[in-house]
């Protein structure tokens, strides 16, 4: 069974070190998010990227914050309400059910989720059909190296393996990004 992040450790998802190595707004710009995009933040957690995405897409865009954890979504909902943010919609999803309309997304972000997925093929089939043609897919995940933190080594997916998998699902690679010693990102286009 794949290692799942424990919501009780949610404080690890936003801390000074993470903000230094993976600043959310700069990272999203680097991954080609644009004003007006309709974004699906898959596995949004506490909203580390969700909040920055809402700022980038602005009033013309929308962010769908999806997670399987009610605890994470409740935490994010409080933040959104406290800040009065109106362009974020919180959605309880399942691993193989996004609970959003097909072909409604311009930009899909999947951050630190792929290593948690039991059946990558089924996951991608469900989630990728939520994307419009020519929309962008950005994936951030852990490098296949041993590190102090993160998921177990044997559950990580190498960047090369992920590129090959995405190619099987008609995702054309646009960009590879070396985010840190521990993480990488890919940006692809749905063709």
N, C-alpha and C. Protein backbone atom coordinates (compact mmCIF):
# COMPACT_ATOMS: atom_id res chain seq x y z
N UNK A 1 0.83 -1.19 0.00
CA UNK A 1 0.00 0.00 0.00
C UNK A 1 0.88 1.25 0.00
N UNK A 2 0.51 2.24 -0.80
CA UNK A 2 1.27 3.47 -0.91
C UNK A 2 1.21 4.27 0.39
N UNK A 3 2.32 4.91 0.69
CA UNK A 3 2.43 5.78 1.86
C UNK A 3 1.53 7.00 1.67
N UNK A 4 0.64 7.26 2.60
CA UNK A 4 -0.25 8.43 2.56
C UNK A 4 0.20 9.42 3.62
N UNK A 5 0.16 10.69 3.27
CA UNK A 5 0.53 11.74 4.23
C UNK A 5 -0.50 11.78 5.35
N UNK A 6 -0.02 11.86 6.57
CA UNK A 6 -0.89 11.92 7.74
C UNK A 6 -1.28 13.38 8.01
N UNK A 7 -2.57 13.71 7.94
CA UNK A 7 -3.01 15.09 8.17
C UNK A 7 -2.60 15.66 9.53
N UNK A 8 -2.32 14.81 10.49
CA UNK A 8 -1.87 15.29 11.80
C UNK A 8 -0.51 16.00 11.69
N UNK A 9 0.21 15.75 10.59
CA UNK A 9 1.52 16.38 10.37
C UNK A 9 1.42 17.60 9.46
N UNK A 10 0.25 18.20 9.37
CA UNK A 10 0.02 19.28 8.40
C UNK A 10 0.95 20.48 8.58
N UNK A 11 1.47 20.69 9.79
CA UNK A 11 2.39 21.82 9.99
C UNK A 11 3.66 21.68 9.15
N UNK A 12 4.00 20.47 8.75
CA UNK A 12 5.17 20.26 7.89
C UNK A 12 4.97 20.82 6.49
N UNK A 13 3.71 21.05 6.12
CA UNK A 13 3.40 21.49 4.76
C UNK A 13 3.63 22.98 4.53
N UNK A 14 3.79 23.74 5.59
CA UNK A 14 4.07 25.17 5.46
C UNK A 14 5.00 25.58 6.58
N UNK A 15 6.26 25.75 6.23
CA UNK A 15 7.26 26.15 7.21
C UNK A 15 8.31 27.00 6.51
N UNK A 16 9.15 27.70 7.25
CA UNK A 16 10.14 28.59 6.63
C UNK A 16 11.06 27.89 5.63
N UNK A 17 11.49 26.68 5.93
CA UNK A 17 12.39 25.96 5.02
C UNK A 17 11.69 25.65 3.69
N UNK A 18 10.45 25.20 3.76
CA UNK A 18 9.71 24.90 2.52
C UNK A 18 9.48 26.18 1.72
N UNK A 19 9.16 27.25 2.39
CA UNK A 19 8.94 28.53 1.69
C UNK A 19 10.23 29.02 1.04
N UNK A 20 11.38 28.71 1.65
CA UNK A 20 12.66 29.11 1.06
C UNK A 20 12.98 28.28 -0.18
N UNK A 21 12.80 26.97 -0.09
CA UNK A 21 13.18 26.09 -1.20
C UNK A 21 12.10 25.94 -2.26
N UNK A 22 10.85 26.19 -1.89
CA UNK A 22 9.73 25.99 -2.81
C UNK A 22 8.70 27.12 -2.62
N UNK A 23 9.12 28.37 -2.91
CA UNK A 23 8.17 29.48 -2.72
C UNK A 23 6.95 29.29 -3.61
N UNK A 24 5.75 29.28 -3.04
CA UNK A 24 4.58 28.87 -3.82
C UNK A 24 4.29 29.72 -5.06
N UNK A 25 4.31 31.02 -4.92
CA UNK A 25 3.96 31.88 -6.06
C UNK A 25 5.02 31.78 -7.16
N UNK A 26 6.29 31.88 -6.79
CA UNK A 26 7.36 31.77 -7.78
C UNK A 26 7.34 30.41 -8.47
N UNK A 27 7.09 29.37 -7.69
CA UNK A 27 7.04 28.02 -8.26
C UNK A 27 5.92 27.91 -9.29
N UNK A 28 4.75 28.44 -8.97
CA UNK A 28 3.62 28.36 -9.91
C UNK A 28 3.87 29.17 -11.18
N UNK A 29 4.50 30.33 -11.04
CA UNK A 29 4.87 31.08 -12.25
C UNK A 29 5.84 30.27 -13.10
N UNK A 30 6.81 29.64 -12.44
CA UNK A 30 7.80 28.81 -13.14
C UNK A 30 7.13 27.62 -13.84
N UNK A 31 6.02 27.15 -13.29
CA UNK A 31 5.30 26.02 -13.88
C UNK A 31 4.23 26.47 -14.89
N UNK A 32 4.24 27.77 -15.22
CA UNK A 32 3.45 28.32 -16.33
C UNK A 32 1.98 28.56 -16.01
N UNK A 33 1.64 28.76 -14.74
CA UNK A 33 0.28 29.16 -14.38
C UNK A 33 0.07 30.60 -14.83
N UNK A 34 -1.14 30.89 -15.33
CA UNK A 34 -1.41 32.22 -15.88
C UNK A 34 -2.69 32.81 -15.32
N UNK A 35 -2.77 34.13 -15.38
CA UNK A 35 -3.98 34.84 -14.98
C UNK A 35 -5.16 34.32 -15.79
N UNK A 36 -6.29 34.13 -15.13
CA UNK A 36 -7.51 33.69 -15.79
C UNK A 36 -7.67 32.19 -15.90
N UNK A 37 -6.63 31.43 -15.56
CA UNK A 37 -6.72 29.96 -15.64
C UNK A 37 -7.75 29.43 -14.64
N UNK A 38 -8.37 28.32 -15.01
CA UNK A 38 -9.17 27.52 -14.09
C UNK A 38 -8.28 26.36 -13.66
N UNK A 39 -7.93 26.35 -12.39
CA UNK A 39 -6.91 25.45 -11.84
C UNK A 39 -7.54 24.38 -10.97
N UNK A 40 -7.04 23.16 -11.11
CA UNK A 40 -7.36 22.10 -10.16
C UNK A 40 -6.08 21.79 -9.38
N UNK A 41 -6.10 22.04 -8.08
CA UNK A 41 -4.98 21.72 -7.21
C UNK A 41 -5.30 20.39 -6.55
N UNK A 42 -4.73 19.33 -7.12
CA UNK A 42 -5.03 17.96 -6.70
C UNK A 42 -4.17 17.61 -5.48
N UNK A 43 -4.82 17.20 -4.39
CA UNK A 43 -4.09 16.95 -3.15
C UNK A 43 -3.64 18.26 -2.54
N UNK A 44 -4.56 19.21 -2.47
CA UNK A 44 -4.23 20.58 -2.07
C UNK A 44 -3.73 20.69 -0.63
N UNK A 45 -4.07 19.72 0.21
CA UNK A 45 -3.64 19.79 1.60
C UNK A 45 -4.15 21.04 2.28
N UNK A 46 -3.26 21.77 2.92
CA UNK A 46 -3.63 22.98 3.66
C UNK A 46 -3.68 24.21 2.76
N UNK A 47 -3.48 24.03 1.47
CA UNK A 47 -3.58 25.15 0.53
C UNK A 47 -2.28 25.86 0.24
N UNK A 48 -1.15 25.19 0.45
CA UNK A 48 0.16 25.81 0.22
C UNK A 48 0.23 26.43 -1.17
N UNK A 49 -0.17 25.69 -2.19
CA UNK A 49 -0.19 26.23 -3.55
C UNK A 49 -1.54 26.84 -3.92
N UNK A 50 -2.61 26.40 -3.30
CA UNK A 50 -3.95 26.88 -3.61
C UNK A 50 -4.05 28.39 -3.45
N UNK A 51 -3.58 28.89 -2.34
CA UNK A 51 -3.69 30.32 -2.04
C UNK A 51 -2.89 31.16 -3.02
N UNK A 52 -1.69 30.72 -3.36
CA UNK A 52 -0.87 31.43 -4.34
C UNK A 52 -1.51 31.36 -5.72
N UNK A 53 -2.08 30.21 -6.06
CA UNK A 53 -2.76 30.06 -7.36
C UNK A 53 -3.93 31.02 -7.47
N UNK A 54 -4.70 31.16 -6.40
CA UNK A 54 -5.85 32.07 -6.41
C UNK A 54 -5.40 33.51 -6.67
N UNK A 55 -4.28 33.87 -6.11
CA UNK A 55 -3.74 35.21 -6.33
C UNK A 55 -3.30 35.39 -7.79
N UNK A 56 -2.64 34.39 -8.35
CA UNK A 56 -2.15 34.49 -9.73
C UNK A 56 -3.30 34.52 -10.73
N UNK A 57 -4.27 33.63 -10.60
CA UNK A 57 -5.35 33.56 -11.60
C UNK A 57 -6.29 34.75 -11.49
N UNK A 58 -6.37 35.35 -10.34
CA UNK A 58 -7.16 36.56 -10.15
C UNK A 58 -8.66 36.34 -10.28
N UNK A 59 -9.37 37.45 -10.45
CA UNK A 59 -10.84 37.41 -10.52
C UNK A 59 -11.36 36.70 -11.76
N UNK A 60 -10.56 36.65 -12.81
CA UNK A 60 -10.99 35.99 -14.05
C UNK A 60 -10.81 34.47 -13.99
N UNK A 61 -10.06 34.01 -13.00
CA UNK A 61 -9.79 32.58 -12.87
C UNK A 61 -10.49 31.98 -11.68
N UNK A 62 -10.26 30.69 -11.51
CA UNK A 62 -10.88 29.95 -10.40
C UNK A 62 -9.93 28.83 -10.01
N UNK A 63 -9.90 28.53 -8.72
CA UNK A 63 -9.08 27.43 -8.21
C UNK A 63 -10.00 26.42 -7.55
N UNK A 64 -9.91 25.18 -7.99
CA UNK A 64 -10.62 24.07 -7.38
C UNK A 64 -9.61 23.34 -6.51
N UNK A 65 -9.81 23.39 -5.20
CA UNK A 65 -8.91 22.78 -4.24
C UNK A 65 -9.46 21.40 -3.87
N UNK A 66 -8.79 20.35 -4.34
CA UNK A 66 -9.26 18.98 -4.14
C UNK A 66 -8.35 18.23 -3.19
N UNK A 67 -8.96 17.48 -2.29
CA UNK A 67 -8.20 16.61 -1.40
C UNK A 67 -9.12 15.49 -0.92
N UNK A 68 -8.51 14.37 -0.56
CA UNK A 68 -9.27 13.25 -0.02
C UNK A 68 -9.47 13.40 1.49
N UNK A 69 -8.73 14.31 2.11
CA UNK A 69 -8.78 14.49 3.57
C UNK A 69 -9.73 15.62 3.96
N UNK A 70 -10.78 15.28 4.66
CA UNK A 70 -11.72 16.29 5.17
C UNK A 70 -11.01 17.22 6.14
N UNK A 71 -10.11 16.68 6.95
CA UNK A 71 -9.38 17.49 7.92
C UNK A 71 -8.58 18.59 7.21
N UNK A 72 -7.89 18.24 6.14
CA UNK A 72 -7.12 19.24 5.38
C UNK A 72 -8.05 20.28 4.76
N UNK A 73 -9.14 19.82 4.17
CA UNK A 73 -10.08 20.74 3.52
C UNK A 73 -10.73 21.69 4.52
N UNK A 74 -11.06 21.19 5.71
CA UNK A 74 -11.64 22.04 6.75
C UNK A 74 -10.65 23.13 7.18
N UNK A 75 -9.40 22.75 7.30
CA UNK A 75 -8.34 23.70 7.67
C UNK A 75 -8.24 24.79 6.60
N UNK A 76 -8.21 24.37 5.33
CA UNK A 76 -8.12 25.32 4.22
C UNK A 76 -9.36 26.22 4.16
N UNK A 77 -10.51 25.64 4.39
CA UNK A 77 -11.76 26.41 4.36
C UNK A 77 -11.72 27.57 5.36
N UNK A 78 -11.19 27.32 6.55
CA UNK A 78 -11.06 28.37 7.56
C UNK A 78 -10.17 29.51 7.06
N UNK A 79 -9.07 29.15 6.45
CA UNK A 79 -8.14 30.17 5.92
C UNK A 79 -8.83 31.01 4.85
N UNK A 80 -9.50 30.34 3.93
CA UNK A 80 -10.18 31.03 2.83
C UNK A 80 -11.24 31.98 3.38
N UNK A 81 -12.02 31.52 4.34
CA UNK A 81 -13.06 32.36 4.94
C UNK A 81 -12.46 33.54 5.70
N UNK A 82 -11.38 33.28 6.46
CA UNK A 82 -10.72 34.35 7.22
C UNK A 82 -10.17 35.44 6.30
N UNK A 83 -9.65 35.03 5.14
CA UNK A 83 -9.04 35.98 4.21
C UNK A 83 -10.05 36.55 3.21
N UNK A 84 -11.26 36.02 3.21
CA UNK A 84 -12.28 36.52 2.29
C UNK A 84 -11.99 36.23 0.83
N UNK A 85 -11.34 35.12 0.56
CA UNK A 85 -10.99 34.75 -0.82
C UNK A 85 -12.22 34.13 -1.48
N UNK A 86 -12.55 34.62 -2.67
CA UNK A 86 -13.78 34.19 -3.32
C UNK A 86 -13.58 33.34 -4.56
N UNK A 87 -12.36 33.16 -5.02
CA UNK A 87 -12.15 32.40 -6.26
C UNK A 87 -11.59 30.99 -6.01
N UNK A 88 -11.82 30.47 -4.82
CA UNK A 88 -11.41 29.09 -4.49
C UNK A 88 -12.65 28.29 -4.13
N UNK A 89 -12.77 27.12 -4.74
CA UNK A 89 -13.85 26.19 -4.41
C UNK A 89 -13.23 24.92 -3.84
N UNK A 90 -13.66 24.53 -2.67
CA UNK A 90 -13.14 23.33 -2.00
C UNK A 90 -13.98 22.13 -2.42
N UNK A 91 -13.28 21.05 -2.80
CA UNK A 91 -13.97 19.84 -3.28
C UNK A 91 -13.36 18.61 -2.62
N UNK A 92 -14.21 17.82 -1.99
CA UNK A 92 -13.78 16.53 -1.44
C UNK A 92 -13.69 15.55 -2.60
N UNK A 93 -12.51 15.03 -2.83
CA UNK A 93 -12.30 14.09 -3.93
C UNK A 93 -11.94 12.72 -3.38
N UNK A 94 -11.89 11.77 -4.27
CA UNK A 94 -11.41 10.43 -3.96
C UNK A 94 -10.22 10.17 -4.88
N UNK A 95 -9.44 9.15 -4.57
CA UNK A 95 -8.25 8.90 -5.38
C UNK A 95 -8.58 8.74 -6.86
N UNK A 96 -9.72 8.14 -7.18
CA UNK A 96 -10.07 7.93 -8.58
C UNK A 96 -11.36 8.64 -8.97
N UNK A 97 -11.71 9.69 -8.23
CA UNK A 97 -12.90 10.47 -8.56
C UNK A 97 -12.65 11.92 -8.16
N UNK A 98 -12.43 12.76 -9.17
CA UNK A 98 -12.10 14.16 -8.90
C UNK A 98 -13.30 14.98 -8.46
N UNK A 99 -14.50 14.56 -8.83
CA UNK A 99 -15.71 15.30 -8.47
C UNK A 99 -15.75 16.71 -9.07
N UNK A 100 -15.18 16.85 -10.27
CA UNK A 100 -15.32 18.09 -11.04
C UNK A 100 -15.70 17.72 -12.47
N UNK A 101 -16.22 18.68 -13.20
CA UNK A 101 -16.70 18.43 -14.56
C UNK A 101 -15.56 18.09 -15.52
N UNK A 102 -15.85 17.24 -16.49
CA UNK A 102 -14.89 16.92 -17.54
C UNK A 102 -14.57 18.17 -18.36
N UNK A 103 -13.33 18.23 -18.81
CA UNK A 103 -12.85 19.29 -19.70
C UNK A 103 -13.16 20.69 -19.17
N UNK A 104 -12.94 20.89 -17.88
CA UNK A 104 -13.22 22.19 -17.25
C UNK A 104 -11.96 22.90 -16.75
N UNK A 105 -10.81 22.26 -16.88
CA UNK A 105 -9.58 22.74 -16.25
C UNK A 105 -8.56 23.18 -17.30
N UNK A 106 -7.96 24.38 -17.08
CA UNK A 106 -6.88 24.90 -17.93
C UNK A 106 -5.51 24.48 -17.42
N UNK A 107 -5.41 24.27 -16.11
CA UNK A 107 -4.12 24.00 -15.48
C UNK A 107 -4.37 23.07 -14.30
N UNK A 108 -3.71 21.91 -14.33
CA UNK A 108 -3.85 20.96 -13.23
C UNK A 108 -2.51 20.84 -12.52
N UNK A 109 -2.54 21.03 -11.21
CA UNK A 109 -1.36 20.89 -10.37
C UNK A 109 -1.52 19.64 -9.51
N UNK A 110 -0.53 18.77 -9.59
CA UNK A 110 -0.51 17.57 -8.75
C UNK A 110 0.81 17.61 -7.99
N UNK A 111 0.75 18.06 -6.75
CA UNK A 111 1.96 18.28 -5.97
C UNK A 111 2.10 17.24 -4.87
N UNK A 112 3.19 16.48 -4.95
CA UNK A 112 3.52 15.47 -3.94
C UNK A 112 2.39 14.48 -3.70
N UNK A 113 1.79 14.04 -4.79
CA UNK A 113 0.68 13.09 -4.74
C UNK A 113 1.00 11.80 -5.48
N UNK A 114 1.72 11.87 -6.58
CA UNK A 114 1.91 10.70 -7.44
C UNK A 114 2.48 9.50 -6.68
N UNK A 115 3.38 9.74 -5.76
CA UNK A 115 3.96 8.62 -4.99
C UNK A 115 2.94 7.99 -4.04
N UNK A 116 1.81 8.67 -3.78
CA UNK A 116 0.78 8.15 -2.88
C UNK A 116 -0.29 7.34 -3.61
N UNK A 117 -0.32 7.42 -4.92
CA UNK A 117 -1.39 6.81 -5.71
C UNK A 117 -1.19 5.30 -5.84
N UNK A 118 -2.24 4.55 -5.56
CA UNK A 118 -2.19 3.08 -5.66
C UNK A 118 -2.10 2.62 -7.12
N UNK A 119 -2.96 3.15 -7.99
CA UNK A 119 -3.03 2.76 -9.39
C UNK A 119 -2.90 4.01 -10.25
N UNK A 120 -1.68 4.30 -10.69
CA UNK A 120 -1.41 5.54 -11.43
C UNK A 120 -2.23 5.60 -12.71
N UNK A 121 -2.39 4.49 -13.41
CA UNK A 121 -3.17 4.49 -14.65
C UNK A 121 -4.60 4.91 -14.42
N UNK A 122 -5.25 4.32 -13.43
CA UNK A 122 -6.64 4.67 -13.14
C UNK A 122 -6.75 6.12 -12.67
N UNK A 123 -5.81 6.54 -11.86
CA UNK A 123 -5.78 7.92 -11.38
C UNK A 123 -5.69 8.89 -12.55
N UNK A 124 -4.73 8.67 -13.44
CA UNK A 124 -4.54 9.57 -14.57
C UNK A 124 -5.74 9.57 -15.51
N UNK A 125 -6.30 8.40 -15.77
CA UNK A 125 -7.48 8.34 -16.65
C UNK A 125 -8.60 9.20 -16.10
N UNK A 126 -8.83 9.15 -14.80
CA UNK A 126 -9.91 9.94 -14.21
C UNK A 126 -9.58 11.42 -14.21
N UNK A 127 -8.40 11.77 -13.76
CA UNK A 127 -8.08 13.18 -13.57
C UNK A 127 -7.78 13.90 -14.88
N UNK A 128 -7.10 13.25 -15.81
CA UNK A 128 -6.73 13.95 -17.05
C UNK A 128 -7.94 14.28 -17.91
N UNK A 129 -9.04 13.54 -17.79
CA UNK A 129 -10.21 13.89 -18.59
C UNK A 129 -10.93 15.12 -18.04
N UNK A 130 -10.48 15.65 -16.93
CA UNK A 130 -11.03 16.90 -16.39
C UNK A 130 -10.38 18.11 -17.07
N UNK A 131 -9.30 17.86 -17.80
CA UNK A 131 -8.55 18.93 -18.45
C UNK A 131 -9.07 19.21 -19.85
N UNK A 132 -9.07 20.49 -20.21
CA UNK A 132 -9.41 20.89 -21.58
C UNK A 132 -8.27 20.47 -22.51
N UNK A 133 -8.55 20.37 -23.81
CA UNK A 133 -7.49 20.13 -24.79
C UNK A 133 -6.49 21.29 -24.71
N UNK A 134 -5.22 20.97 -24.85
CA UNK A 134 -4.12 21.94 -24.82
C UNK A 134 -3.92 22.61 -23.46
N UNK A 135 -4.55 22.08 -22.43
CA UNK A 135 -4.32 22.62 -21.08
C UNK A 135 -3.01 22.08 -20.53
N UNK A 136 -2.55 22.68 -19.43
CA UNK A 136 -1.26 22.31 -18.86
C UNK A 136 -1.43 21.44 -17.61
N UNK A 137 -0.51 20.52 -17.46
CA UNK A 137 -0.41 19.66 -16.29
C UNK A 137 0.94 19.90 -15.66
N UNK A 138 0.96 20.25 -14.38
CA UNK A 138 2.21 20.43 -13.65
C UNK A 138 2.24 19.43 -12.50
N UNK A 139 3.32 18.68 -12.44
CA UNK A 139 3.48 17.68 -11.38
C UNK A 139 4.76 17.98 -10.61
N UNK A 140 4.63 18.08 -9.31
CA UNK A 140 5.77 18.21 -8.40
C UNK A 140 5.83 16.92 -7.60
N UNK A 141 7.01 16.34 -7.50
CA UNK A 141 7.13 15.17 -6.65
C UNK A 141 8.56 14.99 -6.18
N UNK A 142 8.74 13.96 -5.38
CA UNK A 142 10.02 13.67 -4.74
C UNK A 142 10.94 12.92 -5.70
N UNK A 143 12.19 13.36 -5.77
CA UNK A 143 13.18 12.67 -6.59
C UNK A 143 13.39 11.26 -6.04
N UNK A 144 13.79 10.37 -6.92
CA UNK A 144 14.06 8.98 -6.53
C UNK A 144 15.47 8.92 -5.93
N UNK A 145 15.62 9.60 -4.80
CA UNK A 145 16.87 9.60 -4.03
C UNK A 145 16.49 9.47 -2.56
N UNK A 146 17.42 9.01 -1.77
CA UNK A 146 17.16 8.88 -0.33
C UNK A 146 17.38 10.24 0.33
N UNK A 147 16.38 10.65 1.10
CA UNK A 147 16.44 11.93 1.81
C UNK A 147 15.94 11.73 3.24
N UNK A 148 16.19 12.72 4.09
CA UNK A 148 15.71 12.65 5.47
C UNK A 148 14.19 12.64 5.52
N UNK A 149 13.58 13.52 4.76
CA UNK A 149 12.12 13.64 4.78
C UNK A 149 11.49 13.02 3.56
N UNK A 150 10.18 13.18 3.49
CA UNK A 150 9.45 12.69 2.33
C UNK A 150 9.04 11.25 2.45
N UNK A 151 8.46 10.73 1.37
CA UNK A 151 7.96 9.35 1.38
C UNK A 151 9.09 8.33 1.30
N UNK A 152 8.79 7.07 1.58
CA UNK A 152 9.80 6.02 1.46
C UNK A 152 10.39 5.99 0.04
N UNK A 153 11.67 5.70 -0.04
CA UNK A 153 12.39 5.68 -1.32
C UNK A 153 11.71 4.79 -2.35
N UNK A 154 11.28 3.60 -1.95
CA UNK A 154 10.73 2.64 -2.91
C UNK A 154 9.36 3.04 -3.44
N UNK A 155 8.74 4.07 -2.89
CA UNK A 155 7.44 4.54 -3.39
C UNK A 155 7.57 5.79 -4.26
N UNK A 156 8.78 6.29 -4.41
CA UNK A 156 9.01 7.47 -5.23
C UNK A 156 9.07 7.07 -6.70
N UNK A 157 8.73 8.03 -7.56
CA UNK A 157 8.75 7.80 -9.01
C UNK A 157 9.82 8.69 -9.61
N UNK A 158 10.73 8.10 -10.35
CA UNK A 158 11.78 8.91 -10.97
C UNK A 158 11.18 9.81 -12.04
N UNK A 159 11.87 10.90 -12.32
CA UNK A 159 11.38 11.83 -13.33
C UNK A 159 11.28 11.15 -14.70
N UNK A 160 12.23 10.27 -15.00
CA UNK A 160 12.21 9.56 -16.29
C UNK A 160 11.00 8.64 -16.39
N UNK A 161 10.72 7.91 -15.32
CA UNK A 161 9.55 7.02 -15.33
C UNK A 161 8.25 7.82 -15.47
N UNK A 162 8.17 8.95 -14.79
CA UNK A 162 6.96 9.76 -14.87
C UNK A 162 6.78 10.35 -16.27
N UNK A 163 7.85 10.78 -16.90
CA UNK A 163 7.77 11.28 -18.28
C UNK A 163 7.23 10.19 -19.19
N UNK A 164 7.72 8.97 -19.04
CA UNK A 164 7.24 7.85 -19.87
C UNK A 164 5.77 7.55 -19.62
N UNK A 165 5.37 7.55 -18.37
CA UNK A 165 3.97 7.29 -18.02
C UNK A 165 3.07 8.36 -18.64
N UNK A 166 3.44 9.61 -18.50
CA UNK A 166 2.62 10.71 -19.03
C UNK A 166 2.53 10.64 -20.55
N UNK A 167 3.60 10.21 -21.20
CA UNK A 167 3.57 10.05 -22.66
C UNK A 167 2.51 9.05 -23.09
N UNK A 168 2.30 8.02 -22.29
CA UNK A 168 1.27 7.02 -22.59
C UNK A 168 -0.14 7.61 -22.50
N UNK A 169 -0.28 8.76 -21.84
CA UNK A 169 -1.58 9.41 -21.67
C UNK A 169 -1.68 10.71 -22.48
N UNK A 170 -0.89 10.80 -23.54
CA UNK A 170 -0.93 11.95 -24.46
C UNK A 170 -0.64 13.28 -23.78
N UNK A 171 0.31 13.25 -22.88
CA UNK A 171 0.80 14.49 -22.28
C UNK A 171 2.17 14.77 -22.90
N UNK A 172 2.26 15.88 -23.59
CA UNK A 172 3.50 16.29 -24.26
C UNK A 172 4.34 17.12 -23.28
N UNK A 173 5.57 16.70 -23.05
CA UNK A 173 6.44 17.39 -22.10
C UNK A 173 6.80 18.78 -22.62
N UNK A 174 6.57 19.80 -21.81
CA UNK A 174 6.94 21.17 -22.13
C UNK A 174 8.18 21.61 -21.37
N UNK A 175 8.32 21.12 -20.14
CA UNK A 175 9.37 21.65 -19.28
C UNK A 175 9.68 20.68 -18.14
N UNK A 176 10.97 20.55 -17.82
CA UNK A 176 11.42 19.85 -16.61
C UNK A 176 12.05 20.89 -15.71
N UNK A 177 11.78 20.81 -14.42
CA UNK A 177 12.31 21.79 -13.48
C UNK A 177 12.95 21.05 -12.31
N UNK A 178 14.20 21.39 -12.02
CA UNK A 178 14.89 20.86 -10.85
C UNK A 178 14.62 21.82 -9.70
N UNK A 179 13.68 21.48 -8.84
CA UNK A 179 13.24 22.40 -7.79
C UNK A 179 14.21 22.47 -6.61
N UNK A 180 14.80 21.33 -6.27
CA UNK A 180 15.70 21.27 -5.12
C UNK A 180 16.47 19.96 -5.19
N UNK A 181 17.27 19.69 -4.17
CA UNK A 181 17.96 18.41 -4.09
C UNK A 181 16.99 17.26 -3.90
N UNK A 182 15.77 17.57 -3.45
CA UNK A 182 14.80 16.53 -3.12
C UNK A 182 13.62 16.44 -4.07
N UNK A 183 13.32 17.52 -4.80
CA UNK A 183 12.09 17.53 -5.59
C UNK A 183 12.32 18.01 -7.03
N UNK A 184 11.45 17.51 -7.91
CA UNK A 184 11.45 17.92 -9.32
C UNK A 184 10.04 18.32 -9.71
N UNK A 185 9.93 18.94 -10.87
CA UNK A 185 8.62 19.25 -11.43
C UNK A 185 8.66 19.01 -12.93
N UNK A 186 7.50 18.68 -13.46
CA UNK A 186 7.30 18.54 -14.90
C UNK A 186 6.10 19.38 -15.29
N UNK A 187 6.16 19.97 -16.47
CA UNK A 187 5.00 20.64 -17.03
C UNK A 187 4.75 20.01 -18.39
N UNK A 188 3.52 19.60 -18.61
CA UNK A 188 3.14 19.00 -19.88
C UNK A 188 1.88 19.62 -20.41
N UNK A 189 1.60 19.31 -21.67
CA UNK A 189 0.39 19.81 -22.32
C UNK A 189 -0.45 18.63 -22.76
N UNK A 190 -1.74 18.70 -22.50
CA UNK A 190 -2.66 17.64 -22.94
C UNK A 190 -2.90 17.82 -24.44
N UNK A 191 -2.55 16.79 -25.21
CA UNK A 191 -2.72 16.87 -26.67
C UNK A 191 -3.80 15.92 -27.14
